[in-house]
Amino acid sequence: MSQEKPLPFLYQFAAGAVAGVSEILVMYPLDVVKTRVQLQTGKGAGEEAYNGMVDCFRKIIKNEGFSRLYRGITPPILMEAPKRATKFAANDTCGAFYRSVFGVQKTTQPLAILTGATAGAIESLVVVPFELVKIRLQDKASAGKYNGALDVVGKIVKQEGLFAMYNGLESTMWRHILWNSGYFGCIFQVRAQLPTPEPGNKTQKMTNDVIAGTIGGTAGTVLNTPMDVVKSRIQNSPRVAGSVPKYNWAWPALGTVMKEEGFGALYKGFIPKVLRLGPGGGILLVVFTSVTDFFRKMRGE
């Protein structure tokens, strides 16, 4: 993303944490709605079924209370600092590495996509346990089983084994590879098409970041939603000794969903997801860039 020398990891960590927490506090209810819609198999029926984003919002608030829209927020909040720090730090570091390997001074479009994909794979290693806990708390069917995030961890480890905390690693890795390659690849291309901000013109720079980040977030969401659907299904399937879960590996799970529910089911929850990660991508980029600029100024760079 940046052509400059990457900041030390501590500064990357702090900037990523501020950017991630800012985004999640604003956008989290859309994530709850997205997960509920994705976990609903088939078309659903009866009062408990969700007929789209607005209907899901309405029924959650009516039947469970407004606070339910923030259920499971603790794992994402705890996850945001390492997750976003890893995302941006890995992207900047991998970008410098790939430019050195391929002998180029500036990032090209293919390198931006490769760098983003690599950052996504690295990021996924950090987020899987947090995502697993979040999914279990967000699902209405399992909501009564757990008394908060720590209780989820304790029961998963006790009932399913320690390694179950990494249930869904493969699908999560695919999800993050696709999103990050689309996100950072689009940021590179969109920034190249926009007018270069005049020196000291912070408003123009912020506007460019909002546009680039929003388009990048939207493109990443289009690419990775099918993997996000199967990831939610895989992580919400408890491991039972002697049996194979219906949703187990990413690509076979894609085939199962498409066969049983049609291609459209692979984009369940797309509207709340894109409404979150489109503008959310803009928020991330603006806040991260602003904080890193502050750190560079503070360090005299």
Foldseek 3Di string as FASTA:
>chain_A
DDLDQDDPLVLLLVLQLVLQVVLCVVQQLLVLLLLQQLQDAAQDDDPPGAPDRVSSCVCCCVPPNPCLSCWLVVLSNVLRSVLRSLQVRQLNVQLVVVCVVVVHSDDDLVSQLVSQLVSLLRSLVRCQLSVLLSLQCSHPVNVVVADDSVRSQVCLCVQQNPCLSNFLSQLSSVLRSLLRSQLRSQLVVQLVVDDDDDVPPLVSVLVSLQVSQLRSLLRSLVRRQLSVSLSSVRSNFRDDPPDADPRGHRPVSSVVSCVRHNPVSSCGSSVSSSVSRNSSRSSSRSSSVVSVVVVCVVVVD
